[in-house]
Amino acid sequence: MNVNLEGQQEASFFDQAVVTFAMIENLGELRYFNNQKELSSFSRGAVDLILEANGTNLNELNKDDDKLQEYIDKVNLDESK
């Protein structure tokens, strides 16, 4: 899946990838582009490893809407600071 975005912060790409992977179970890789330049890319496995190190995983977020919403709310709160 390729996503073209302009004006997004690099740090938020990871959180966007988490939500996208949690919502699309069979997605293996996600890349962010601005025009023809790749800004960032993530694999499902790498994102899941980072989440597991922080006490959650993509499967939990995919199966539990409340946990996914908590993650989204936390990200939105952190970005508003």
N, C-alpha and C. Protein backbone atom coordinates (compact mmCIF):
# COMPACT_ATOMS: atom_id res chain seq x y z
N MET A 1 0.85 -1.18 0.00
CA MET A 1 0.00 0.00 0.00
C MET A 1 0.89 1.23 0.00
N ASN A 2 0.62 2.16 -0.85
CA ASN A 2 1.35 3.42 -0.91
C ASN A 2 0.42 4.55 -0.49
N VAL A 3 0.91 5.42 0.38
CA VAL A 3 0.12 6.56 0.86
C VAL A 3 0.90 7.82 0.55
N ASN A 4 0.29 8.74 -0.20
CA ASN A 4 0.93 10.02 -0.51
C ASN A 4 0.44 11.07 0.47
N LEU A 5 1.36 11.65 1.22
CA LEU A 5 1.02 12.66 2.22
C LEU A 5 1.96 13.84 2.08
N GLU A 6 1.45 15.01 2.36
CA GLU A 6 2.29 16.21 2.38
C GLU A 6 2.15 16.87 3.73
N GLY A 7 3.27 17.39 4.27
CA GLY A 7 3.24 18.15 5.51
C GLY A 7 3.09 17.32 6.78
N GLN A 8 3.29 16.03 6.72
CA GLN A 8 3.16 15.20 7.91
C GLN A 8 4.52 15.10 8.62
N GLN A 9 4.47 15.00 9.93
CA GLN A 9 5.68 14.86 10.73
C GLN A 9 6.17 13.41 10.66
N GLU A 10 7.49 13.23 10.56
CA GLU A 10 8.08 11.89 10.50
C GLU A 10 7.66 11.04 11.69
N ALA A 11 7.63 11.61 12.88
CA ALA A 11 7.29 10.85 14.08
C ALA A 11 5.88 10.29 14.02
N SER A 12 4.98 10.98 13.36
CA SER A 12 3.60 10.50 13.32
C SER A 12 3.40 9.37 12.31
N PHE A 13 4.36 9.16 11.40
CA PHE A 13 4.22 8.08 10.44
C PHE A 13 4.12 6.73 11.15
N PHE A 14 4.91 6.54 12.20
CA PHE A 14 4.85 5.27 12.92
C PHE A 14 3.46 5.03 13.48
N ASP A 15 2.91 6.04 14.14
CA ASP A 15 1.58 5.88 14.74
C ASP A 15 0.52 5.66 13.67
N GLN A 16 0.64 6.33 12.55
CA GLN A 16 -0.29 6.09 11.44
C GLN A 16 -0.15 4.66 10.92
N ALA A 17 1.09 4.17 10.87
CA ALA A 17 1.32 2.80 10.42
C ALA A 17 0.70 1.80 11.39
N VAL A 18 0.84 2.05 12.69
CA VAL A 18 0.24 1.16 13.69
C VAL A 18 -1.26 1.04 13.44
N VAL A 19 -1.93 2.16 13.32
CA VAL A 19 -3.39 2.15 13.13
C VAL A 19 -3.75 1.46 11.81
N THR A 20 -3.01 1.75 10.76
CA THR A 20 -3.29 1.14 9.45
C THR A 20 -3.10 -0.37 9.50
N PHE A 21 -1.98 -0.83 10.08
CA PHE A 21 -1.75 -2.27 10.19
C PHE A 21 -2.81 -2.94 11.07
N ALA A 22 -3.22 -2.27 12.14
CA ALA A 22 -4.23 -2.84 13.03
C ALA A 22 -5.58 -2.98 12.32
N MET A 23 -5.86 -2.07 11.41
CA MET A 23 -7.15 -2.09 10.73
C MET A 23 -7.15 -2.98 9.48
N ILE A 24 -5.99 -3.16 8.87
CA ILE A 24 -5.88 -3.97 7.65
C ILE A 24 -4.98 -5.16 7.96
N GLU A 25 -5.61 -6.26 8.34
CA GLU A 25 -4.89 -7.41 8.87
C GLU A 25 -3.92 -8.06 7.89
N ASN A 26 -4.20 -8.02 6.60
CA ASN A 26 -3.33 -8.70 5.63
C ASN A 26 -2.33 -7.77 4.95
N LEU A 27 -2.15 -6.56 5.48
CA LEU A 27 -1.18 -5.61 4.94
C LEU A 27 0.20 -5.92 5.51
N GLY A 28 1.20 -6.08 4.66
CA GLY A 28 2.53 -6.46 5.11
C GLY A 28 3.53 -5.32 5.15
N GLU A 29 3.33 -4.31 4.32
CA GLU A 29 4.28 -3.20 4.24
C GLU A 29 3.52 -1.91 3.91
N LEU A 30 4.00 -0.81 4.46
CA LEU A 30 3.37 0.49 4.25
C LEU A 30 4.46 1.51 3.97
N ARG A 31 4.29 2.30 2.91
CA ARG A 31 5.27 3.32 2.53
C ARG A 31 4.58 4.66 2.40
N TYR A 32 5.25 5.69 2.86
CA TYR A 32 4.75 7.06 2.78
C TYR A 32 5.59 7.84 1.78
N PHE A 33 4.91 8.55 0.87
CA PHE A 33 5.58 9.30 -0.20
C PHE A 33 5.13 10.75 -0.21
N ASN A 34 6.03 11.60 -0.66
CA ASN A 34 5.71 12.98 -1.00
C ASN A 34 6.19 13.14 -2.44
N ASN A 35 5.26 13.23 -3.37
CA ASN A 35 5.57 13.20 -4.79
C ASN A 35 6.25 11.87 -5.10
N GLN A 36 7.46 11.87 -5.57
CA GLN A 36 8.16 10.62 -5.90
C GLN A 36 9.16 10.20 -4.83
N LYS A 37 9.31 10.98 -3.77
CA LYS A 37 10.29 10.70 -2.73
C LYS A 37 9.65 9.89 -1.60
N GLU A 38 10.28 8.76 -1.27
CA GLU A 38 9.80 7.96 -0.14
C GLU A 38 10.22 8.63 1.15
N LEU A 39 9.26 8.92 2.00
CA LEU A 39 9.53 9.58 3.28
C LEU A 39 9.79 8.58 4.39
N SER A 40 9.06 7.47 4.37
CA SER A 40 9.20 6.49 5.43
C SER A 40 8.55 5.19 4.98
N SER A 41 9.01 4.07 5.53
CA SER A 41 8.38 2.78 5.24
C SER A 41 8.43 1.91 6.48
N PHE A 42 7.44 1.04 6.59
CA PHE A 42 7.31 0.17 7.75
C PHE A 42 6.86 -1.21 7.30
N SER A 43 7.39 -2.24 7.96
CA SER A 43 6.88 -3.59 7.75
C SER A 43 6.02 -3.95 8.96
N ARG A 44 5.06 -4.83 8.74
CA ARG A 44 4.19 -5.27 9.84
C ARG A 44 5.03 -5.87 10.97
N GLY A 45 6.00 -6.69 10.63
CA GLY A 45 6.81 -7.35 11.65
C GLY A 45 7.59 -6.37 12.50
N ALA A 46 8.19 -5.36 11.88
CA ALA A 46 8.97 -4.37 12.64
C ALA A 46 8.08 -3.55 13.56
N VAL A 47 6.91 -3.15 13.07
CA VAL A 47 5.98 -2.39 13.90
C VAL A 47 5.52 -3.24 15.08
N ASP A 48 5.21 -4.51 14.82
CA ASP A 48 4.74 -5.39 15.88
C ASP A 48 5.82 -5.60 16.95
N LEU A 49 7.08 -5.72 16.54
CA LEU A 49 8.17 -5.86 17.52
C LEU A 49 8.26 -4.65 18.44
N ILE A 50 8.13 -3.47 17.88
CA ILE A 50 8.19 -2.25 18.70
C ILE A 50 7.01 -2.19 19.65
N LEU A 51 5.83 -2.53 19.15
CA LEU A 51 4.65 -2.54 20.02
C LEU A 51 4.79 -3.56 21.15
N GLU A 52 5.29 -4.76 20.82
CA GLU A 52 5.46 -5.80 21.83
C GLU A 52 6.43 -5.36 22.92
N ALA A 53 7.46 -4.63 22.54
CA ALA A 53 8.41 -4.11 23.54
C ALA A 53 7.75 -3.10 24.47
N ASN A 54 6.61 -2.55 24.03
CA ASN A 54 5.87 -1.57 24.83
C ASN A 54 4.57 -2.12 25.38
N GLY A 55 4.42 -3.45 25.38
CA GLY A 55 3.31 -4.08 26.07
C GLY A 55 2.03 -4.30 25.29
N THR A 56 2.07 -4.18 23.99
CA THR A 56 0.88 -4.46 23.18
C THR A 56 1.33 -5.08 21.86
N ASN A 57 0.41 -5.36 20.96
CA ASN A 57 0.76 -5.87 19.64
C ASN A 57 -0.37 -5.59 18.67
N LEU A 58 -0.09 -5.77 17.39
CA LEU A 58 -1.09 -5.47 16.36
C LEU A 58 -2.32 -6.37 16.47
N ASN A 59 -2.12 -7.62 16.86
CA ASN A 59 -3.26 -8.53 16.99
C ASN A 59 -4.24 -8.04 18.05
N GLU A 60 -3.72 -7.59 19.19
CA GLU A 60 -4.59 -7.04 20.24
C GLU A 60 -5.35 -5.83 19.73
N LEU A 61 -4.66 -4.93 19.06
CA LEU A 61 -5.30 -3.72 18.55
C LEU A 61 -6.34 -4.05 17.48
N ASN A 62 -6.07 -5.08 16.68
CA ASN A 62 -6.99 -5.48 15.63
C ASN A 62 -8.26 -6.11 16.20
N LYS A 63 -8.11 -6.89 17.25
CA LYS A 63 -9.25 -7.64 17.80
C LYS A 63 -10.07 -6.85 18.81
N ASP A 64 -9.49 -5.80 19.38
CA ASP A 64 -10.17 -5.06 20.45
C ASP A 64 -10.30 -3.59 20.07
N ASP A 65 -11.50 -3.21 19.65
CA ASP A 65 -11.74 -1.83 19.22
C ASP A 65 -11.42 -0.81 20.32
N ASP A 66 -11.68 -1.18 21.57
CA ASP A 66 -11.40 -0.26 22.68
C ASP A 66 -9.91 0.00 22.81
N LYS A 67 -9.09 -1.06 22.67
CA LYS A 67 -7.64 -0.88 22.76
C LYS A 67 -7.12 -0.03 21.60
N LEU A 68 -7.67 -0.24 20.42
CA LEU A 68 -7.26 0.57 19.27
C LEU A 68 -7.64 2.03 19.50
N GLN A 69 -8.84 2.27 20.01
CA GLN A 69 -9.26 3.64 20.28
C GLN A 69 -8.40 4.28 21.36
N GLU A 70 -8.01 3.51 22.39
CA GLU A 70 -7.11 4.02 23.43
C GLU A 70 -5.78 4.43 22.81
N TYR A 71 -5.25 3.61 21.90
CA TYR A 71 -3.98 3.94 21.24
C TYR A 71 -4.12 5.24 20.44
N ILE A 72 -5.21 5.35 19.68
CA ILE A 72 -5.44 6.55 18.88
C ILE A 72 -5.58 7.78 19.77
N ASP A 73 -6.33 7.65 20.86
CA ASP A 73 -6.51 8.77 21.79
C ASP A 73 -5.18 9.20 22.40
N LYS A 74 -4.34 8.22 22.78
CA LYS A 74 -3.03 8.53 23.37
C LYS A 74 -2.16 9.27 22.35
N VAL A 75 -2.15 8.81 21.12
CA VAL A 75 -1.37 9.46 20.07
C VAL A 75 -1.85 10.89 19.86
N ASN A 76 -3.16 11.07 19.78
CA ASN A 76 -3.72 12.41 19.59
C ASN A 76 -3.38 13.33 20.75
N LEU A 77 -3.40 12.81 21.97
CA LEU A 77 -3.05 13.59 23.15
C LEU A 77 -1.58 13.98 23.11
N ASP A 78 -0.71 13.02 22.78
CA ASP A 78 0.73 13.30 22.70
C ASP A 78 1.04 14.35 21.63
N GLU A 79 0.34 14.28 20.49
CA GLU A 79 0.60 15.23 19.40
C GLU A 79 0.09 16.62 19.72
N SER A 80 -0.88 16.73 20.61
CA SER A 80 -1.43 18.05 20.94
C SER A 80 -0.58 18.80 21.95
N LYS A 81 0.39 18.13 22.54
CA LYS A 81 1.27 18.78 23.54
C LYS A 81 2.33 19.61 22.87
